[in-house]
């Protein structure tokens, strides 16, 4: 009997690739502001734009719905997620609680692979800030915080945390664009650099203090 992994049909792989491509294109349009919060997503327009059929597009929209970037409304179709100020505040408050729990649970300093992962994410943030790549900077920012929570080695915490910060990515990306108007792009990198230095030094109190300052509501980061 053939192994099940060898029985994947080429057309199934092609369909999956179309779904991933459509999801990636939509995610980039949402995070770059091409598609704004509350905007309706019309299937006919999107299928023409992406050159795909409705089936992979609908699956891509379903995936983005799971990630919190779009929402399906009964009898009204699909639109880019629009969170109320209370929604945003609740999500950031939850993020703060989960991150602080992770820091209190994690070994300080974390093991070398965990520190290397944080350093790699910080380097990606720095590169994106220098090149002015806002989407890449927002994604590196999200990945840095995921790596921070991962230092706790708490699988169920990670499962709870990742959907929260992913749902906030739209607002975090928009915030980076607003922040760039009044601050240099490297200021955010420096905040994360100080956070990483405190983590590497094993200074749990300094990490918690850094997170408290990092989560100020003057900017949604």
C-alpha atoms as a PDB file:
ATOM      1  CA  UNK A   1       0.000   0.000   0.000  1.00  0.00           C
ATOM      2  CA  UNK A   2       1.293   3.431  -0.880  1.00  0.00           C
ATOM      3  CA  UNK A   3       2.028   5.881   1.912  1.00  0.00           C
ATOM      4  CA  UNK A   4      -0.797   8.366   2.377  1.00  0.00           C
ATOM      5  CA  UNK A   5       1.624  11.281   2.002  1.00  0.00           C
ATOM      6  CA  UNK A   6       2.363  10.066  -1.544  1.00  0.00           C
ATOM      7  CA  UNK A   7      -1.273  10.178  -2.585  1.00  0.00           C
ATOM      8  CA  UNK A   8      -1.689  13.951  -2.810  1.00  0.00           C
ATOM      9  CA  UNK A   9      -3.004  14.783  -6.272  1.00  0.00           C
ATOM     10  CA  UNK A  10      -1.248  17.525  -8.269  1.00  0.00           C
ATOM     11  CA  UNK A  11      -4.556  19.334  -8.798  1.00  0.00           C
ATOM     12  CA  UNK A  12      -5.098  19.391  -5.025  1.00  0.00           C
ATOM     13  CA  UNK A  13      -1.676  20.983  -4.581  1.00  0.00           C
ATOM     14  CA  UNK A  14      -2.462  23.533  -7.279  1.00  0.00           C
ATOM     15  CA  UNK A  15      -5.766  24.422  -5.631  1.00  0.00           C
ATOM     16  CA  UNK A  16      -4.032  24.850  -2.281  1.00  0.00           C
ATOM     17  CA  UNK A  17      -1.438  27.114  -3.882  1.00  0.00           C
ATOM     18  CA  UNK A  18      -4.215  29.300  -5.316  1.00  0.00           C
ATOM     19  CA  UNK A  19      -5.791  29.583  -1.867  1.00  0.00           C
ATOM     20  CA  UNK A  20      -2.479  30.570  -0.285  1.00  0.00           C
ATOM     21  CA  UNK A  21      -1.756  33.080  -3.029  1.00  0.00           C
ATOM     22  CA  UNK A  22      -5.183  34.704  -2.748  1.00  0.00           C
ATOM     23  CA  UNK A  23      -4.914  34.825   1.064  1.00  0.00           C
ATOM     24  CA  UNK A  24      -1.458  36.395   0.855  1.00  0.00           C
ATOM     25  CA  UNK A  25      -2.558  39.042  -1.655  1.00  0.00           C
ATOM     26  CA  UNK A  26      -5.614  39.943   0.412  1.00  0.00           C
ATOM     27  CA  UNK A  27      -3.628  40.057   3.645  1.00  0.00           C
ATOM     28  CA  UNK A  28      -1.095  42.421   2.091  1.00  0.00           C
ATOM     29  CA  UNK A  29      -3.848  44.674   0.712  1.00  0.00           C
ATOM     30  CA  UNK A  30      -5.517  44.848   4.127  1.00  0.00           C
ATOM     31  CA  UNK A  31      -2.332  45.531   6.072  1.00  0.00           C
ATOM     32  CA  UNK A  32      -1.075  48.114   3.574  1.00  0.00           C
ATOM     33  CA  UNK A  33      -4.352  50.050   3.692  1.00  0.00           C
ATOM     34  CA  UNK A  34      -5.399  49.300   0.108  1.00  0.00           C
ATOM     35  CA  UNK A  35      -8.444  47.654   1.684  1.00  0.00           C
ATOM     36  CA  UNK A  36      -9.597  49.640   4.711  1.00  0.00           C
ATOM     37  CA  UNK A  37     -11.480  48.476   7.835  1.00  0.00           C
ATOM     38  CA  UNK A  38     -15.173  48.065   7.087  1.00  0.00           C
ATOM     39  CA  UNK A  39     -14.711  47.832   3.296  1.00  0.00           C
ATOM     40  CA  UNK A  40     -16.842  45.185   1.600  1.00  0.00           C
ATOM     41  CA  UNK A  41     -15.013  42.509  -0.369  1.00  0.00           C
ATOM     42  CA  UNK A  42     -16.838  41.753  -3.616  1.00  0.00           C
ATOM     43  CA  UNK A  43     -16.128  38.267  -4.950  1.00  0.00           C
ATOM     44  CA  UNK A  44     -16.578  39.182  -8.604  1.00  0.00           C
ATOM     45  CA  UNK A  45     -14.058  42.023  -8.351  1.00  0.00           C
ATOM     46  CA  UNK A  46     -11.528  39.934  -6.461  1.00  0.00           C
ATOM     47  CA  UNK A  47     -11.720  36.935  -8.787  1.00  0.00           C
ATOM     48  CA  UNK A  48     -11.072  39.218 -11.769  1.00  0.00           C
ATOM     49  CA  UNK A  49      -8.230  40.975  -9.991  1.00  0.00           C
ATOM     50  CA  UNK A  50      -6.497  37.780  -8.856  1.00  0.00           C
ATOM     51  CA  UNK A  51      -7.357  35.759 -11.941  1.00  0.00           C
ATOM     52  CA  UNK A  52      -8.825  32.906  -9.932  1.00  0.00           C
ATOM     53  CA  UNK A  53     -12.142  31.137  -9.488  1.00  0.00           C
ATOM     54  CA  UNK A  54     -14.536  31.623  -6.596  1.00  0.00           C
ATOM     55  CA  UNK A  55     -13.669  28.381  -4.788  1.00  0.00           C
ATOM     56  CA  UNK A  56     -10.059  29.261  -3.805  1.00  0.00           C
ATOM     57  CA  UNK A  57     -11.081  32.861  -3.131  1.00  0.00           C
ATOM     58  CA  UNK A  58     -13.792  31.757  -0.719  1.00  0.00           C
ATOM     59  CA  UNK A  59     -11.363  29.427   1.044  1.00  0.00           C
ATOM     60  CA  UNK A  60      -8.855  32.292   1.311  1.00  0.00           C
ATOM     61  CA  UNK A  61     -11.545  34.512   2.825  1.00  0.00           C
ATOM     62  CA  UNK A  62     -12.421  31.744   5.269  1.00  0.00           C
ATOM     63  CA  UNK A  63      -8.779  31.536   6.381  1.00  0.00           C
ATOM     64  CA  UNK A  64      -8.549  35.308   6.793  1.00  0.00           C
ATOM     65  CA  UNK A  65     -11.765  35.177   8.794  1.00  0.00           C
ATOM     66  CA  UNK A  66     -10.136  32.687  11.173  1.00  0.00           C
ATOM     67  CA  UNK A  67      -7.220  35.083  11.514  1.00  0.00           C
ATOM     68  CA  UNK A  68      -9.535  37.971  12.345  1.00  0.00           C
ATOM     69  CA  UNK A  69      -8.675  40.131   9.340  1.00  0.00           C
ATOM     70  CA  UNK A  70     -12.066  39.796   7.646  1.00  0.00           C
ATOM     71  CA  UNK A  71     -15.539  39.082   8.962  1.00  0.00           C
ATOM     72  CA  UNK A  72     -18.456  37.265   7.355  1.00  0.00           C
ATOM     73  CA  UNK A  73     -21.782  39.009   7.911  1.00  0.00           C
ATOM     74  CA  UNK A  74     -25.095  37.134   7.468  1.00  0.00           C
ATOM     75  CA  UNK A  75     -26.734  38.158   4.163  1.00  0.00           C
ATOM     76  CA  UNK A  76     -24.225  40.999   3.789  1.00  0.00           C
ATOM     77  CA  UNK A  77     -21.145  39.232   2.501  1.00  0.00           C
ATOM     78  CA  UNK A  78     -17.581  39.753   3.686  1.00  0.00           C
ATOM     79  CA  UNK A  79     -15.802  42.905   4.806  1.00  0.00           C
ATOM     80  CA  UNK A  80     -12.446  43.894   6.253  1.00  0.00           C
ATOM     81  CA  UNK A  81     -12.651  43.608  10.026  1.00  0.00           C
ATOM     82  CA  UNK A  82     -13.548  46.815  11.804  1.00  0.00           C
ATOM     83  CA  UNK A  83     -12.996  46.717  15.547  1.00  0.00           C
ATOM     84  CA  UNK A  84     -14.507  49.227  17.906  1.00  0.00           C
ATOM     85  CA  UNK A  85     -12.239  51.196  20.269  1.00  0.00           C
ATOM     86  CA  UNK A  86     -13.445  48.892  23.062  1.00  0.00           C
ATOM     87  CA  UNK A  87     -12.534  45.819  21.006  1.00  0.00           C
ATOM     88  CA  UNK A  88      -9.052  47.175  20.378  1.00  0.00           C
ATOM     89  CA  UNK A  89      -8.521  48.121  24.016  1.00  0.00           C
ATOM     90  CA  UNK A  90      -9.702  44.698  25.192  1.00  0.00           C
ATOM     91  CA  UNK A  91      -7.414  42.903  22.769  1.00  0.00           C
ATOM     92  CA  UNK A  92      -4.385  44.965  23.753  1.00  0.00           C
ATOM     93  CA  UNK A  93      -5.193  44.449  27.426  1.00  0.00           C
ATOM     94  CA  UNK A  94      -5.396  40.717  26.822  1.00  0.00           C
ATOM     95  CA  UNK A  95      -2.119  40.797  24.924  1.00  0.00           C
ATOM     96  CA  UNK A  96      -0.478  42.588  27.846  1.00  0.00           C
ATOM     97  CA  UNK A  97      -1.765  40.014  30.354  1.00  0.00           C
ATOM     98  CA  UNK A  98      -0.592  37.066  28.256  1.00  0.00           C
ATOM     99  CA  UNK A  99       2.847  38.556  27.611  1.00  0.00           C
ATOM    100  CA  UNK A 100       3.423  39.365  31.255  1.00  0.00           C
ATOM    101  CA  UNK A 101       2.345  35.852  32.238  1.00  0.00           C
ATOM    102  CA  UNK A 102       4.821  34.461  29.691  1.00  0.00           C
ATOM    103  CA  UNK A 103       7.667  36.562  31.131  1.00  0.00           C
ATOM    104  CA  UNK A 104       6.846  35.472  34.685  1.00  0.00           C
ATOM    105  CA  UNK A 105       6.773  31.827  33.561  1.00  0.00           C
ATOM    106  CA  UNK A 106       9.807  31.778  31.266  1.00  0.00           C
ATOM    107  CA  UNK A 107      13.325  30.957  32.485  1.00  0.00           C
ATOM    108  CA  UNK A 108      15.457  34.068  32.713  1.00  0.00           C
ATOM    109  CA  UNK A 109      17.552  34.277  30.678  1.00  0.00           C
ATOM    110  CA  UNK A 110      15.931  31.990  28.100  1.00  0.00           C
ATOM    111  CA  UNK A 111      17.972  29.268  26.398  1.00  0.00           C
ATOM    112  CA  UNK A 112      20.297  30.235  23.504  1.00  0.00           C
ATOM    113  CA  UNK A 113      17.943  29.113  20.680  1.00  0.00           C
ATOM    114  CA  UNK A 114      15.125  31.267  22.097  1.00  0.00           C
ATOM    115  CA  UNK A 115      17.441  34.272  22.364  1.00  0.00           C
ATOM    116  CA  UNK A 116      18.662  33.663  18.817  1.00  0.00           C
ATOM    117  CA  UNK A 117      15.074  33.658  17.563  1.00  0.00           C
ATOM    118  CA  UNK A 118      14.353  36.983  19.288  1.00  0.00           C
ATOM    119  CA  UNK A 119      17.555  38.457  17.868  1.00  0.00           C
ATOM    120  CA  UNK A 120      16.603  37.314  14.359  1.00  0.00           C
ATOM    121  CA  UNK A 121      13.183  38.946  14.647  1.00  0.00           C
ATOM    122  CA  UNK A 122      14.762  42.161  15.900  1.00  0.00           C
ATOM    123  CA  UNK A 123      17.190  42.132  12.974  1.00  0.00           C
ATOM    124  CA  UNK A 124      14.253  41.751  10.587  1.00  0.00           C
ATOM    125  CA  UNK A 125      12.560  44.742  12.248  1.00  0.00           C
ATOM    126  CA  UNK A 126      15.720  46.795  11.889  1.00  0.00           C
ATOM    127  CA  UNK A 127      16.143  45.895   8.216  1.00  0.00           C
ATOM    128  CA  UNK A 128      12.501  46.732   7.447  1.00  0.00           C
ATOM    129  CA  UNK A 129      12.702  50.029   9.335  1.00  0.00           C
ATOM    130  CA  UNK A 130      15.810  51.096   7.424  1.00  0.00           C
ATOM    131  CA  UNK A 131      14.332  50.118   4.053  1.00  0.00           C
ATOM    132  CA  UNK A 132      10.945  51.668   4.853  1.00  0.00           C
ATOM    133  CA  UNK A 133       9.073  48.386   4.318  1.00  0.00           C
ATOM    134  CA  UNK A 134       6.058  48.970   6.570  1.00  0.00           C
ATOM    135  CA  UNK A 135       4.430  45.575   6.020  1.00  0.00           C
ATOM    136  CA  UNK A 136       7.641  43.695   6.740  1.00  0.00           C
ATOM    137  CA  UNK A 137       8.234  45.817   9.834  1.00  0.00           C
ATOM    138  CA  UNK A 138       4.747  45.060  11.167  1.00  0.00           C
ATOM    139  CA  UNK A 139       5.184  41.340  10.518  1.00  0.00           C
ATOM    140  CA  UNK A 140       8.621  41.288  12.183  1.00  0.00           C
ATOM    141  CA  UNK A 141       7.120  43.145  15.143  1.00  0.00           C
ATOM    142  CA  UNK A 142       4.404  40.492  15.467  1.00  0.00           C
ATOM    143  CA  UNK A 143       6.935  37.671  15.172  1.00  0.00           C
ATOM    144  CA  UNK A 144       9.151  39.255  17.842  1.00  0.00           C
ATOM    145  CA  UNK A 145       6.276  39.197  20.323  1.00  0.00           C
ATOM    146  CA  UNK A 146       5.365  35.632  19.371  1.00  0.00           C
ATOM    147  CA  UNK A 147       8.986  34.636  20.015  1.00  0.00           C
ATOM    148  CA  UNK A 148       8.869  36.475  23.347  1.00  0.00           C
ATOM    149  CA  UNK A 149       5.827  34.492  24.486  1.00  0.00           C
ATOM    150  CA  UNK A 150       7.398  31.282  23.169  1.00  0.00           C
ATOM    151  CA  UNK A 151      10.224  31.627  25.721  1.00  0.00           C
ATOM    152  CA  UNK A 152       7.751  30.391  28.333  1.00  0.00           C
ATOM    153  CA  UNK A 153       7.609  26.995  26.647  1.00  0.00           C
ATOM    154  CA  UNK A 154       3.864  26.921  27.308  1.00  0.00           C
ATOM    155  CA  UNK A 155       2.097  25.399  24.305  1.00  0.00           C
ATOM    156  CA  UNK A 156      -1.445  26.302  25.321  1.00  0.00           C
ATOM    157  CA  UNK A 157      -0.426  29.875  26.124  1.00  0.00           C
ATOM    158  CA  UNK A 158       0.986  30.109  22.602  1.00  0.00           C
ATOM    159  CA  UNK A 159      -2.264  28.771  21.132  1.00  0.00           C
ATOM    160  CA  UNK A 160      -4.221  31.461  22.980  1.00  0.00           C
ATOM    161  CA  UNK A 161      -1.773  34.279  22.268  1.00  0.00           C
ATOM    162  CA  UNK A 162      -1.171  33.961  18.534  1.00  0.00           C
ATOM    163  CA  UNK A 163      -4.781  34.610  17.402  1.00  0.00           C
ATOM    164  CA  UNK A 164      -4.908  37.693  19.636  1.00  0.00           C
ATOM    165  CA  UNK A 165      -1.837  39.357  18.194  1.00  0.00           C
ATOM    166  CA  UNK A 166      -2.733  38.294  14.664  1.00  0.00           C
ATOM    167  CA  UNK A 167      -6.118  39.973  14.982  1.00  0.00           C
ATOM    168  CA  UNK A 168      -4.326  43.118  16.119  1.00  0.00           C
ATOM    169  CA  UNK A 169      -1.844  43.091  13.244  1.00  0.00           C
ATOM    170  CA  UNK A 170      -4.023  45.333  11.090  1.00  0.00           C
ATOM    171  CA  UNK A 171      -4.070  47.997  13.806  1.00  0.00           C
ATOM    172  CA  UNK A 172      -0.409  47.516  14.657  1.00  0.00           C
ATOM    173  CA  UNK A 173       0.520  48.073  11.003  1.00  0.00           C
ATOM    174  CA  UNK A 174      -1.637  51.190  10.830  1.00  0.00           C
ATOM    175  CA  UNK A 175      -0.023  52.412  14.026  1.00  0.00           C
ATOM    176  CA  UNK A 176       3.456  51.978  12.593  1.00  0.00           C
ATOM    177  CA  UNK A 177       2.421  54.209   9.688  1.00  0.00           C
ATOM    178  CA  UNK A 178       1.082  56.884  12.092  1.00  0.00           C
ATOM    179  CA  UNK A 179       4.114  56.613  14.331  1.00  0.00           C
ATOM    180  CA  UNK A 180       6.424  57.102  11.343  1.00  0.00           C
ATOM    181  CA  UNK A 181       4.911  60.550  10.889  1.00  0.00           C
ATOM    182  CA  UNK A 182       6.213  61.779  14.253  1.00  0.00           C
ATOM    183  CA  UNK A 183       9.093  59.428  15.079  1.00  0.00           C
ATOM    184  CA  UNK A 184      11.985  57.903  13.189  1.00  0.00           C
ATOM    185  CA  UNK A 185      11.349  54.265  12.202  1.00  0.00           C
ATOM    186  CA  UNK A 186      14.306  53.122  14.289  1.00  0.00           C
ATOM    187  CA  UNK A 187      12.795  54.302  17.595  1.00  0.00           C
ATOM    188  CA  UNK A 188      10.520  51.262  17.682  1.00  0.00           C
ATOM    189  CA  UNK A 189      13.515  49.050  16.940  1.00  0.00           C
ATOM    190  CA  UNK A 190      15.412  50.609  19.836  1.00  0.00           C
ATOM    191  CA  UNK A 191      12.521  49.891  22.224  1.00  0.00           C
ATOM    192  CA  UNK A 192      12.656  46.253  21.241  1.00  0.00           C
ATOM    193  CA  UNK A 193      16.446  46.260  21.476  1.00  0.00           C
ATOM    194  CA  UNK A 194      16.219  47.393  25.107  1.00  0.00           C
ATOM    195  CA  UNK A 195      13.626  44.703  25.738  1.00  0.00           C
ATOM    196  CA  UNK A 196      15.883  42.036  24.234  1.00  0.00           C
ATOM    197  CA  UNK A 197      18.858  43.256  26.273  1.00  0.00           C
ATOM    198  CA  UNK A 198      16.835  42.919  29.479  1.00  0.00           C
ATOM    199  CA  UNK A 199      15.727  39.424  28.470  1.00  0.00           C
ATOM    200  CA  UNK A 200      19.285  38.352  27.648  1.00  0.00           C
ATOM    201  CA  UNK A 201      20.476  39.736  30.985  1.00  0.00           C
ATOM    202  CA  UNK A 202      17.839  37.698  32.805  1.00  0.00           C
ATOM    203  CA  UNK A 203      16.382  40.836  34.366  1.00  0.00           C
ATOM    204  CA  UNK A 204      12.728  39.829  34.699  1.00  0.00           C
ATOM    205  CA  UNK A 205      11.683  43.062  36.434  1.00  0.00           C
ATOM    206  CA  UNK A 206      13.254  45.175  33.676  1.00  0.00           C
ATOM    207  CA  UNK A 207      11.447  43.096  31.031  1.00  0.00           C
ATOM    208  CA  UNK A 208       8.104  43.595  32.775  1.00  0.00           C
ATOM    209  CA  UNK A 209       8.792  47.330  33.102  1.00  0.00           C
ATOM    210  CA  UNK A 210       9.707  47.496  29.427  1.00  0.00           C
ATOM    211  CA  UNK A 211       6.497  45.744  28.454  1.00  0.00           C
ATOM    212  CA  UNK A 212       4.466  48.165  30.586  1.00  0.00           C
ATOM    213  CA  UNK A 213       6.007  51.128  28.764  1.00  0.00           C
ATOM    214  CA  UNK A 214       5.826  49.313  25.447  1.00  0.00           C
ATOM    215  CA  UNK A 215       2.077  48.870  25.757  1.00  0.00           C
ATOM    216  CA  UNK A 216       1.252  52.539  26.248  1.00  0.00           C
ATOM    217  CA  UNK A 217      -1.930  53.535  24.422  1.00  0.00           C
ATOM    218  CA  UNK A 218      -0.488  56.685  22.891  1.00  0.00           C
ATOM    219  CA  UNK A 219       0.497  54.299  20.093  1.00  0.00           C
ATOM    220  CA  UNK A 220      -0.964  50.863  19.556  1.00  0.00           C
ATOM    221  CA  UNK A 221       2.312  48.965  19.875  1.00  0.00           C
END
